[in-house]
Structures are given as C-alpha cells and as structure tokens.
Amino acid sequence: MSVIDHVRLAVRLRETQWLIDDVAHHTAAHRLEERELAETARALAELAELLEETRTALSHR
C-alpha cells in the first residue's frame, strides 16, 4: 500500500466517524433524519469496501 492509500483510508475512517458521531447525537436528541441515515449507510458501505481492498492489499505483501 502506498502512502496515498494509507491517507485515503485514514481520511475515510475519520469522515465516517464524524457521521456516526452525528447520528448518535441526533438519535439521542430525537432529531434523526432519513437523509442522515442514508448518508451514513452509504459512507459505511464505502468504508467496508475500502477496508476489504486494504485487507486484500496487505495480504499480498
């Protein structure tokens, strides 16, 4: 994996963490919105795909 790949993964992890933090806060405050859930679900799916790509790349080292 290149430095760019590591940076891409780190950025995606942080972005997804922020989305999840917002969803948790809005859930507790009873302000959860469908749009926010859809955005978070997409981000989690993209993150899962990126994690799998990273795992595969690491297993071929």
N, C-alpha and C. Protein backbone atom coordinates (compact mmCIF):
# COMPACT_ATOMS: atom_id res chain seq x y z
N MET A 1 0.84 -1.19 0.00
CA MET A 1 0.00 0.00 0.00
C MET A 1 0.88 1.24 0.00
N SER A 2 0.46 2.19 -0.79
CA SER A 2 1.21 3.44 -0.87
C SER A 2 0.80 4.39 0.26
N VAL A 3 1.56 5.44 0.39
CA VAL A 3 1.24 6.47 1.37
C VAL A 3 -0.13 7.07 1.06
N ILE A 4 -0.40 7.27 -0.22
CA ILE A 4 -1.70 7.82 -0.64
C ILE A 4 -2.84 6.90 -0.19
N ASP A 5 -2.66 5.59 -0.32
CA ASP A 5 -3.67 4.63 0.11
C ASP A 5 -3.91 4.72 1.62
N HIS A 6 -2.83 4.86 2.37
CA HIS A 6 -2.97 4.98 3.82
C HIS A 6 -3.70 6.27 4.20
N VAL A 7 -3.38 7.35 3.52
CA VAL A 7 -4.03 8.63 3.78
C VAL A 7 -5.51 8.54 3.42
N ARG A 8 -5.80 7.93 2.28
CA ARG A 8 -7.19 7.77 1.84
C ARG A 8 -8.00 7.00 2.88
N LEU A 9 -7.43 5.92 3.39
CA LEU A 9 -8.11 5.12 4.40
C LEU A 9 -8.31 5.93 5.69
N ALA A 10 -7.28 6.63 6.12
CA ALA A 10 -7.37 7.43 7.34
C ALA A 10 -8.45 8.51 7.23
N VAL A 11 -8.49 9.17 6.09
CA VAL A 11 -9.49 10.22 5.88
C VAL A 11 -10.89 9.63 5.88
N ARG A 12 -11.08 8.51 5.19
CA ARG A 12 -12.40 7.87 5.13
C ARG A 12 -12.84 7.41 6.52
N LEU A 13 -11.91 6.87 7.32
CA LEU A 13 -12.23 6.46 8.68
C LEU A 13 -12.71 7.65 9.52
N ARG A 14 -12.00 8.77 9.42
CA ARG A 14 -12.39 9.96 10.20
C ARG A 14 -13.73 10.51 9.73
N GLU A 15 -13.93 10.60 8.42
CA GLU A 15 -15.20 11.11 7.90
C GLU A 15 -16.37 10.26 8.38
N THR A 16 -16.18 8.95 8.34
CA THR A 16 -17.25 8.05 8.77
C THR A 16 -17.47 8.17 10.27
N GLN A 17 -16.40 8.32 11.01
CA GLN A 17 -16.52 8.51 12.47
C GLN A 17 -17.35 9.75 12.78
N TRP A 18 -17.10 10.84 12.06
CA TRP A 18 -17.86 12.07 12.30
C TRP A 18 -19.35 11.86 12.01
N LEU A 19 -19.64 11.16 10.89
CA LEU A 19 -21.04 10.89 10.55
C LEU A 19 -21.71 10.06 11.64
N ILE A 20 -21.02 9.03 12.10
CA ILE A 20 -21.58 8.17 13.14
C ILE A 20 -21.78 8.95 14.44
N ASP A 21 -20.83 9.80 14.78
CA ASP A 21 -20.98 10.64 15.98
C ASP A 21 -22.21 11.53 15.87
N ASP A 22 -22.42 12.13 14.69
CA ASP A 22 -23.59 12.98 14.49
C ASP A 22 -24.89 12.18 14.61
N VAL A 23 -24.91 11.00 14.00
CA VAL A 23 -26.11 10.15 14.07
C VAL A 23 -26.40 9.77 15.52
N ALA A 24 -25.38 9.42 16.26
CA ALA A 24 -25.58 9.06 17.67
C ALA A 24 -26.14 10.24 18.45
N HIS A 25 -25.59 11.42 18.23
CA HIS A 25 -26.06 12.61 18.93
C HIS A 25 -27.51 12.92 18.55
N HIS A 26 -27.81 12.89 17.26
CA HIS A 26 -29.16 13.21 16.80
C HIS A 26 -30.17 12.15 17.23
N THR A 27 -29.73 10.91 17.33
CA THR A 27 -30.62 9.85 17.81
C THR A 27 -31.01 10.12 19.26
N ALA A 28 -30.02 10.43 20.07
CA ALA A 28 -30.30 10.69 21.49
C ALA A 28 -31.18 11.93 21.67
N ALA A 29 -31.06 12.88 20.75
CA ALA A 29 -31.83 14.12 20.85
C ALA A 29 -33.17 14.02 20.11
N HIS A 30 -33.48 12.83 19.60
CA HIS A 30 -34.73 12.62 18.85
C HIS A 30 -34.84 13.54 17.64
N ARG A 31 -33.69 13.75 16.95
CA ARG A 31 -33.66 14.61 15.76
C ARG A 31 -33.10 13.87 14.55
N LEU A 32 -33.23 12.59 14.54
CA LEU A 32 -32.68 11.77 13.46
C LEU A 32 -33.48 11.98 12.18
N GLU A 33 -32.78 12.08 11.05
CA GLU A 33 -33.43 12.30 9.75
C GLU A 33 -33.08 11.18 8.79
N GLU A 34 -34.00 10.87 7.90
CA GLU A 34 -33.80 9.82 6.90
C GLU A 34 -32.57 10.11 6.05
N ARG A 35 -32.40 11.35 5.64
CA ARG A 35 -31.26 11.74 4.79
C ARG A 35 -29.94 11.43 5.48
N GLU A 36 -29.88 11.72 6.76
CA GLU A 36 -28.67 11.48 7.54
C GLU A 36 -28.37 9.98 7.64
N LEU A 37 -29.42 9.19 7.84
CA LEU A 37 -29.23 7.73 7.89
C LEU A 37 -28.75 7.19 6.55
N ALA A 38 -29.32 7.69 5.47
CA ALA A 38 -28.91 7.24 4.13
C ALA A 38 -27.45 7.60 3.86
N GLU A 39 -27.05 8.81 4.21
CA GLU A 39 -25.67 9.25 4.02
C GLU A 39 -24.70 8.39 4.84
N THR A 40 -25.07 8.10 6.06
CA THR A 40 -24.23 7.29 6.93
C THR A 40 -24.14 5.85 6.43
N ALA A 41 -25.25 5.31 5.97
CA ALA A 41 -25.25 3.95 5.42
C ALA A 41 -24.35 3.87 4.19
N ARG A 42 -24.42 4.87 3.32
CA ARG A 42 -23.53 4.90 2.14
C ARG A 42 -22.07 4.97 2.55
N ALA A 43 -21.78 5.84 3.51
CA ALA A 43 -20.40 6.00 3.98
C ALA A 43 -19.87 4.70 4.58
N LEU A 44 -20.71 4.01 5.34
CA LEU A 44 -20.30 2.73 5.94
C LEU A 44 -20.07 1.67 4.87
N ALA A 45 -20.90 1.64 3.84
CA ALA A 45 -20.71 0.69 2.75
C ALA A 45 -19.41 0.97 2.00
N GLU A 46 -19.15 2.25 1.74
CA GLU A 46 -17.89 2.62 1.07
C GLU A 46 -16.69 2.28 1.95
N LEU A 47 -16.81 2.52 3.24
CA LEU A 47 -15.72 2.20 4.17
C LEU A 47 -15.48 0.70 4.20
N ALA A 48 -16.53 -0.09 4.24
CA ALA A 48 -16.39 -1.55 4.25
C ALA A 48 -15.65 -2.01 2.99
N GLU A 49 -16.00 -1.42 1.86
CA GLU A 49 -15.33 -1.79 0.61
C GLU A 49 -13.85 -1.40 0.65
N LEU A 50 -13.56 -0.22 1.13
CA LEU A 50 -12.17 0.23 1.23
C LEU A 50 -11.38 -0.63 2.22
N LEU A 51 -11.99 -1.00 3.33
CA LEU A 51 -11.31 -1.87 4.29
C LEU A 51 -11.00 -3.24 3.67
N GLU A 52 -11.92 -3.76 2.89
CA GLU A 52 -11.69 -5.04 2.23
C GLU A 52 -10.57 -4.93 1.21
N GLU A 53 -10.56 -3.84 0.44
CA GLU A 53 -9.47 -3.62 -0.52
C GLU A 53 -8.13 -3.54 0.21
N THR A 54 -8.11 -2.84 1.33
CA THR A 54 -6.89 -2.69 2.11
C THR A 54 -6.44 -4.03 2.67
N ARG A 55 -7.37 -4.80 3.19
CA ARG A 55 -7.05 -6.13 3.71
C ARG A 55 -6.43 -7.00 2.62
N THR A 56 -7.02 -6.96 1.44
CA THR A 56 -6.52 -7.76 0.33
C THR A 56 -5.11 -7.30 -0.06
N ALA A 57 -4.90 -6.00 -0.13
CA ALA A 57 -3.58 -5.47 -0.48
C ALA A 57 -2.54 -5.89 0.56
N LEU A 58 -2.91 -5.84 1.82
CA LEU A 58 -1.98 -6.21 2.87
C LEU A 58 -1.66 -7.71 2.86
N SER A 59 -2.64 -8.50 2.47
CA SER A 59 -2.41 -9.95 2.47
C SER A 59 -1.51 -10.37 1.32
N HIS A 60 -1.31 -9.50 0.34
CA HIS A 60 -0.44 -9.82 -0.80
C HIS A 60 0.96 -9.25 -0.65
N ARG A 61 1.27 -8.76 0.53
CA ARG A 61 2.63 -8.22 0.74
C ARG A 61 3.61 -9.30 1.03
